[in-house]
Every structure is written in structure tokens, then in C-alpha cells.
Amino acid sequence: MTDYPVDMSVTPEVSGHFDPATNTISYIVRDPNSTSCAIVDSVMDIDYAAGRITYDHADNLIAEIENKGLKLEWIIETHVHADHLSAAPYIQQKLGGKIGVGEKIMVVQDTFGKVFNEGTEFQRDGSQFDALFKDGDTYKIGGMTCFAMYTPGHTPACMVHVMGNAAFTGDTLFMPDGGSARADFPGGDAGELYDSIQKVLSLPDDMRLFMCHDYGPNGRDIQWETTVGEEKAHNIHVGGGKTREEFIAFRTERDAQLDMPKLIIPSLQVNMRAGHIPKDKDGNTMLKVPVNGL
């Protein structure tokens, strides 16, 4: 892409909220010329061992929006996360806004609907979400035009969202010293991930990039903002002109050594439902554990 459907001179106000339990950064993104805003990649708290759900992280987002007198228009999911649970329905109930995700959510729902042996009552058409984005689709936050860029590889439904001079990368990229996300989940593909990263790196060098996760490699402080130029020059997995073949070989070898995320089983069940917790036949909220299913 060389012609972008957004005004990249617009500088939205971005507020990052780090969740230490999942190393996730959620964002409040404000149109600089109005009180309209969006939330990107919210977190619902879970004590998995106790089966207990709480909303402290989401309440912090809600409090900031209310304290600043903002209007929430969008609740964006960059993809179906495997390491944290979305708080989108809880936030929507409190503040309104539309819940949006990439249209390939249907592929994820079909894949994991089978893994979790979901019945016919589980709709696999993305209807749990208010908006399904295709590559290049635009939407508004106040007067600021934003667009969704299709970036598969980590999952089939990954999107990077470009809002003015800020892009929210989901798990497509990490900070330069963090590299990239794994590509070995069902529907993932290291070659596709490399191609998607190149698509992101074709954005202007001064484009601000905001990460969904950071793990503080080598003991450094948690960080979540960088630029396209910095990633192109210094990303340890794809920077400095590394080839597609080199990346695929590295990513495949690396992924084989990684454990499954601790919250993958509850996260997938909840996130493929737009943040709703599934219920059993009696209407009780209930999570399944497929044995040897992942």
C-alpha cells in the first residue's frame, strides 16, 4: 500500500495501560479535535485457578474516559488473543461503543469451535461483534479517519489499526528488542507473518507503533511505543534486511521451544465470543478444558 486513506498528520492522544498479569497494553486513543475516543485491546482480569472474573483493569480505562469527559465510539480487538481475556462487553455496557474485529474471526471461530466442541448455538459468523473489518476498511473516531490493515501470520484474523500517525500492531510486532510473535497457533504461518510485518514496515518511517505486549527483555523497563524506522533498523527478528527464508527458519525453530500461554484455554473461548463468557445448558457461565486438544 502506498496511498493511505488517513491523514497521517493527525496526532491522536494515546494513553497506554499496562496489565502486569498478562503483559498486555490496552490503549485509549482520542481524536485530537473532539472528545471521541476508542479503546484498543482491553483486558478482563481472571484468577484461573479460582475461576474468578474481575474488572479492575477495565475499570481503570472506564474511569479515565469518564474523568476526561470522553465519548467511547469503538472497542477494537486487534485479533483473538490467546493470552488474555477481552473486557469488551463489560466496557460496552458501561460506556457504549461498537466492538470491532477482523472479518477472519469466522476462520478462528470455526477452528476453535471444533476444538471446544461447541454446539450449533455457537454462531461462527462473527455476529457477536458489531463490525467485521476487511483489509483497508475505514472508520471514524470523531473526525479522525482510521483504517484496518490485514496482517495474518500470528493468527488468521490479525489486523493492525492505523489512527492518524499511530498504528496499533496487536501481536504482529513487538518492540525492536522483542522481535515478533509466535506463528505456531492453529491457522498461524511464519511466512505470512513475515509478509504482514513487511506491510506494516511500508508505513512512513515516523509512524508511531504501539505494541499489544511487552516482556521487558534483558531486564529493561516495560515499553510499548516505537516507530517504523526503529523497527526496520533494529528489530532483532526482521530488521536490517533479514530475508523471508531466514525469518521462517528462525520463527519455526523458536516456536517449537515455546510453552502454550497460561491463559490460552479461557482466552480463546471468551475472545472468539467478543468477550462473552460461554454458558452451559443451564445458563451458568462455564469454561471447558479440552484434554490434549491444543
Protein backbone atom coordinates (compact mmCIF):
# COMPACT_ATOMS: atom_id res chain seq x y z
CA MET A 1 0.00 0.00 0.00
CA THR A 2 1.32 3.44 -0.90
CA ASP A 3 -1.85 5.53 -0.80
CA TYR A 4 -3.30 5.51 2.68
CA PRO A 5 -6.91 6.52 3.42
CA VAL A 6 -6.00 8.50 6.55
CA ASP A 7 -4.45 11.88 7.29
CA MET A 8 -1.15 10.89 8.87
CA SER A 9 -0.52 14.44 10.06
CA VAL A 10 -3.20 13.91 12.72
CA THR A 11 -1.67 13.07 16.10
CA PRO A 12 -4.16 11.28 18.34
CA GLU A 13 -3.72 11.36 22.10
CA VAL A 14 -2.69 7.83 23.18
CA SER A 15 -2.87 6.58 26.76
CA GLY A 16 -1.30 3.18 27.46
CA HIS A 17 -2.40 0.95 30.36
CA PHE A 18 -0.09 -1.97 31.21
CA ASP A 19 -1.50 -5.15 32.76
CA PRO A 20 1.34 -6.94 34.59
CA ALA A 21 -0.59 -10.21 34.93
CA THR A 22 -0.64 -10.72 31.15
CA ASN A 23 2.00 -8.22 29.93
CA THR A 24 -0.73 -6.62 27.82
CA ILE A 25 -1.00 -2.93 26.99
CA SER A 26 -4.50 -1.56 26.44
CA TYR A 27 -4.93 1.84 24.84
CA ILE A 28 -7.32 4.76 24.95
CA VAL A 29 -6.98 6.66 21.66
CA ARG A 30 -8.53 10.12 21.44
CA ASP A 31 -9.32 12.15 18.35
CA PRO A 32 -7.33 15.37 19.00
CA ASN A 33 -10.12 17.55 17.63
CA SER A 34 -13.04 16.17 19.65
CA THR A 35 -13.91 14.21 22.78
CA SER A 36 -14.34 10.98 20.81
CA CYS A 37 -12.11 8.01 21.60
CA ALA A 38 -11.53 4.30 21.12
CA ILE A 39 -10.18 1.50 23.30
CA VAL A 40 -7.76 -0.98 21.75
CA ASP A 41 -7.26 -4.47 23.27
CA SER A 42 -8.93 -4.29 26.67
CA VAL A 43 -8.28 -6.84 29.44
CA MET A 44 -10.67 -8.70 31.73
CA ASP A 45 -8.99 -10.00 34.88
CA ILE A 46 -9.18 -13.70 35.69
CA ASP A 47 -7.96 -15.83 38.57
CA TYR A 48 -7.98 -19.03 36.54
CA ALA A 49 -7.19 -21.31 39.47
CA ALA A 50 -10.19 -19.96 41.38
CA GLY A 51 -12.44 -19.48 38.34
CA ARG A 52 -12.96 -15.85 39.34
CA ILE A 53 -13.51 -12.91 36.97
CA THR A 54 -12.91 -9.27 37.99
CA TYR A 55 -12.68 -5.97 36.12
CA ASP A 56 -10.02 -3.79 37.78
CA HIS A 57 -8.09 -3.18 34.54
CA ALA A 58 -11.23 -2.33 32.57
CA ASP A 59 -12.46 -0.10 35.38
CA ASN A 60 -9.25 1.94 35.11
CA LEU A 61 -9.96 2.53 31.40
CA ILE A 62 -13.56 3.45 32.12
CA ALA A 63 -12.51 5.85 34.90
CA GLU A 64 -10.06 7.69 32.64
CA ILE A 65 -12.66 8.09 29.90
CA GLU A 66 -15.27 9.33 32.36
CA ASN A 67 -12.86 11.67 34.16
CA LYS A 68 -11.80 13.28 30.88
CA GLY A 69 -15.38 13.58 29.65
CA LEU A 70 -14.72 11.46 26.57
CA LYS A 71 -17.17 9.61 24.34
CA LEU A 72 -16.26 5.99 23.57
CA GLU A 73 -17.07 5.16 19.95
CA TRP A 74 -15.05 1.98 19.28
CA ILE A 75 -13.75 -1.01 21.23
CA ILE A 76 -11.18 -2.55 18.90
CA GLU A 77 -9.78 -6.08 19.11
CA THR A 78 -6.63 -6.45 17.01
CA HIS A 79 -7.16 -10.23 16.98
CA VAL A 80 -8.47 -13.15 19.04
CA HIS A 81 -5.93 -13.05 21.86
CA ALA A 82 -4.61 -16.28 23.33
CA ASP A 83 -3.02 -14.77 26.44
CA HIS A 84 -5.67 -12.52 27.95
CA LEU A 85 -9.44 -12.17 28.05
CA SER A 86 -11.23 -9.21 26.46
CA ALA A 87 -13.37 -6.92 28.61
CA ALA A 88 -15.20 -5.50 25.58
CA PRO A 89 -18.81 -6.37 26.58
CA TYR A 90 -18.28 -5.05 30.12
CA ILE A 91 -16.91 -1.77 28.79
CA GLN A 92 -19.64 -1.51 26.17
CA GLN A 93 -22.30 -1.96 28.84
CA LYS A 94 -20.79 0.92 30.83
CA LEU A 95 -19.86 3.34 28.04
CA GLY A 96 -21.37 2.20 24.73
CA GLY A 97 -19.30 2.00 21.55
CA LYS A 98 -19.06 -0.63 18.82
CA ILE A 99 -16.93 -3.77 19.17
CA GLY A 100 -14.84 -4.39 16.03
CA VAL A 101 -12.54 -7.19 14.87
CA GLY A 102 -11.16 -8.52 11.59
CA GLU A 103 -13.60 -10.43 9.36
CA LYS A 104 -11.41 -13.55 9.50
CA ILE A 105 -12.76 -14.03 13.03
CA MET A 106 -15.02 -16.54 11.28
CA VAL A 107 -11.99 -18.73 10.49
CA VAL A 108 -10.93 -18.61 14.15
CA GLN A 109 -14.45 -19.38 15.32
CA ASP A 110 -14.69 -22.37 13.01
CA THR A 111 -11.28 -23.71 14.07
CA PHE A 112 -11.79 -23.37 17.81
CA GLY A 113 -15.48 -24.14 17.71
CA LYS A 114 -14.32 -27.64 16.81
CA VAL A 115 -11.53 -27.70 19.42
CA PHE A 116 -14.00 -26.81 22.18
CA ASN A 117 -16.78 -28.96 20.70
CA GLU A 118 -19.19 -26.04 20.60
CA GLY A 119 -22.74 -26.84 19.61
CA THR A 120 -24.84 -25.28 16.88
CA GLU A 121 -25.86 -22.48 19.26
CA PHE A 122 -22.35 -21.05 18.90
CA GLN A 123 -22.55 -18.82 15.84
CA ARG A 124 -19.46 -18.94 13.62
CA ASP A 125 -20.35 -15.90 11.51
CA GLY A 126 -18.79 -13.13 13.61
CA SER A 127 -22.25 -11.93 14.69
CA GLN A 128 -21.06 -11.48 18.29
CA PHE A 129 -19.19 -8.37 17.08
CA ASP A 130 -20.68 -5.09 15.87
CA ALA A 131 -18.22 -4.63 12.99
CA LEU A 132 -16.06 -7.01 10.93
CA PHE A 133 -13.19 -5.23 9.20
CA LYS A 134 -11.80 -6.13 5.79
CA ASP A 135 -8.33 -5.10 4.65
CA GLY A 136 -8.35 -1.35 4.05
CA ASP A 137 -11.73 -0.67 5.66
CA THR A 138 -12.04 2.79 7.19
CA TYR A 139 -13.99 4.02 10.20
CA LYS A 140 -14.20 7.24 12.22
CA ILE A 141 -13.28 8.23 15.74
CA GLY A 142 -14.88 11.65 15.90
CA GLY A 143 -13.46 13.42 12.86
CA MET A 144 -10.36 11.21 12.63
CA THR A 145 -10.41 8.60 9.87
CA CYS A 146 -8.81 5.26 10.78
CA PHE A 147 -8.19 2.12 8.75
CA ALA A 148 -7.64 -1.59 9.34
CA MET A 149 -4.70 -3.37 7.73
CA TYR A 150 -4.94 -7.16 7.37
CA THR A 151 -1.82 -8.76 8.91
CA PRO A 152 -2.23 -12.55 9.26
CA GLY A 153 0.50 -14.92 10.42
CA HIS A 154 0.21 -14.90 14.20
CA THR A 155 -3.49 -15.74 13.76
CA PRO A 156 -5.73 -15.69 10.67
CA ALA A 157 -7.69 -12.69 11.98
CA CYS A 158 -4.93 -10.24 12.93
CA MET A 159 -5.33 -6.59 11.96
CA VAL A 160 -3.15 -3.53 12.53
CA HIS A 161 -5.22 -0.39 13.11
CA VAL A 162 -3.86 2.92 11.81
CA MET A 163 -5.24 6.03 13.50
CA GLY A 164 -3.61 9.23 12.23
CA ASN A 165 0.13 8.91 12.83
CA ALA A 166 -0.33 6.00 15.26
CA ALA A 167 -0.62 2.29 14.41
CA PHE A 168 -1.67 -0.40 16.87
CA THR A 169 0.15 -3.57 15.93
CA GLY A 170 -1.54 -6.24 18.03
CA ASP A 171 0.85 -9.20 18.15
CA THR A 172 2.24 -8.69 14.64
CA LEU A 173 5.32 -6.92 16.03
CA PHE A 174 6.98 -6.41 19.40
CA MET A 175 9.47 -3.72 20.42
CA PRO A 176 12.73 -3.93 18.40
CA ASP A 177 14.49 -5.97 21.11
CA GLY A 178 11.42 -8.23 21.45
CA GLY A 179 11.16 -9.20 17.79
CA SER A 180 7.90 -10.81 16.70
CA ALA A 181 5.10 -13.03 17.94
CA ARG A 182 4.86 -16.78 17.51
CA ALA A 183 3.26 -18.26 14.40
CA ASP A 184 2.50 -21.82 15.51
CA PHE A 185 -1.09 -21.50 16.70
CA PRO A 186 -3.76 -23.16 14.51
CA GLY A 187 -4.05 -21.01 11.40
CA GLY A 188 -0.72 -19.28 12.03
CA ASP A 189 2.04 -19.16 9.41
CA ALA A 190 5.57 -17.79 9.72
CA GLY A 191 5.79 -16.81 6.06
CA GLU A 192 2.50 -14.91 6.26
CA LEU A 193 3.72 -13.21 9.43
CA TYR A 194 6.88 -12.02 7.67
CA ASP A 195 4.82 -10.66 4.78
CA SER A 196 2.48 -8.90 7.20
CA ILE A 197 5.37 -7.33 9.06
CA GLN A 198 6.76 -6.00 5.77
CA LYS A 199 3.34 -4.48 5.10
CA VAL A 200 3.49 -2.67 8.44
CA LEU A 201 7.06 -1.56 7.78
CA SER A 202 5.94 0.01 4.48
CA LEU A 203 4.19 2.70 6.52
CA PRO A 204 6.10 6.01 6.88
CA ASP A 205 9.27 5.76 8.98
CA ASP A 206 7.96 8.25 11.54
CA MET A 207 4.69 6.34 12.07
CA ARG A 208 4.28 5.67 15.79
CA LEU A 209 3.82 1.97 16.56
CA PHE A 210 2.09 0.80 19.72
CA MET A 211 2.62 -2.78 20.92
CA CYS A 212 -0.02 -5.06 22.45
CA HIS A 213 2.58 -6.80 24.64
CA ASP A 214 5.98 -6.21 26.15
CA TYR A 215 8.02 -8.51 28.37
CA GLY A 216 11.00 -6.30 29.23
CA PRO A 217 13.74 -8.34 27.52
CA ASN A 218 17.06 -8.49 29.40
CA GLY A 219 15.52 -6.79 32.41
CA ARG A 220 14.73 -3.43 30.80
CA ASP A 221 11.70 -1.40 31.85
CA ILE A 222 8.41 -2.15 30.10
CA GLN A 223 7.98 -0.13 26.89
CA TRP A 224 5.28 -0.04 24.24
CA GLU A 225 5.94 2.73 21.75
CA THR A 226 8.44 2.77 18.87
CA THR A 227 8.46 3.80 15.19
CA VAL A 228 8.50 2.08 11.82
CA GLY A 229 12.02 3.42 11.25
CA GLU A 230 13.28 1.94 14.52
CA GLU A 231 11.73 -1.45 13.73
CA LYS A 232 13.20 -1.52 10.22
CA ALA A 233 16.67 -0.76 11.55
CA HIS A 234 16.77 -2.67 14.81
CA ASN A 235 14.08 -5.36 15.12
CA ILE A 236 16.00 -8.50 16.11
CA HIS A 237 13.80 -10.81 14.02
CA VAL A 238 13.06 -8.84 10.86
CA GLY A 239 15.20 -5.68 10.92
CA GLY A 240 18.35 -4.96 8.98
CA GLY A 241 17.15 -6.64 5.81
CA LYS A 242 16.58 -10.17 7.14
CA THR A 243 15.07 -12.38 4.45
CA ARG A 244 11.77 -14.24 4.47
CA GLU A 245 13.62 -17.56 4.48
CA GLU A 246 15.76 -16.54 7.44
CA PHE A 247 12.70 -15.43 9.36
CA ILE A 248 10.73 -18.63 8.66
CA ALA A 249 13.66 -20.80 9.77
CA PHE A 250 14.18 -18.81 12.96
CA ARG A 251 10.48 -18.50 13.83
CA THR A 252 9.82 -22.22 13.26
CA GLU A 253 12.73 -23.26 15.45
CA ARG A 254 11.86 -20.74 18.16
CA ASP A 255 8.16 -21.60 18.26
CA ALA A 256 8.92 -25.29 18.81
CA GLN A 257 10.56 -24.33 22.12
CA LEU A 258 7.68 -22.20 23.48
CA ASP A 259 5.11 -23.33 26.02
CA MET A 260 1.43 -22.62 25.47
CA PRO A 261 0.26 -19.32 27.02
CA LYS A 262 -1.09 -19.91 30.52
CA LEU A 263 -4.49 -18.43 29.68
CA ILE A 264 -4.95 -19.81 26.17
CA ILE A 265 -7.87 -22.10 27.08
CA PRO A 266 -10.11 -19.48 28.71
CA SER A 267 -8.91 -16.70 26.39
CA LEU A 268 -9.91 -18.42 23.17
CA GLN A 269 -13.35 -19.42 24.44
CA VAL A 270 -14.10 -15.89 25.61
CA ASN A 271 -12.44 -13.86 22.87
CA MET A 272 -13.98 -15.72 19.94
CA ARG A 273 -17.30 -14.65 21.54
CA ALA A 274 -16.29 -10.95 21.59
CA GLY A 275 -15.50 -11.15 25.30
CA HIS A 276 -18.62 -13.01 26.44
CA ILE A 277 -18.10 -15.95 28.81
CA PRO A 278 -19.75 -19.13 27.49
CA LYS A 279 -22.65 -20.71 29.35
CA ASP A 280 -23.65 -24.32 29.96
CA LYS A 281 -27.06 -25.77 29.15
CA ASP A 282 -28.45 -24.42 32.43
CA GLY A 283 -27.29 -20.87 31.76
CA ASN A 284 -24.31 -20.92 34.13
CA THR A 285 -21.08 -19.27 32.96
CA MET A 286 -18.68 -22.13 32.34
CA LEU A 287 -15.32 -22.76 30.67
CA LYS A 288 -14.19 -26.03 29.08
CA VAL A 289 -10.78 -27.68 29.15
CA PRO A 290 -10.21 -29.82 26.04
CA VAL A 291 -7.75 -32.53 27.04
CA ASN A 292 -4.88 -32.84 24.52
CA GLY A 293 -6.90 -30.63 22.17
CA LEU A 294 -4.31 -27.93 21.55
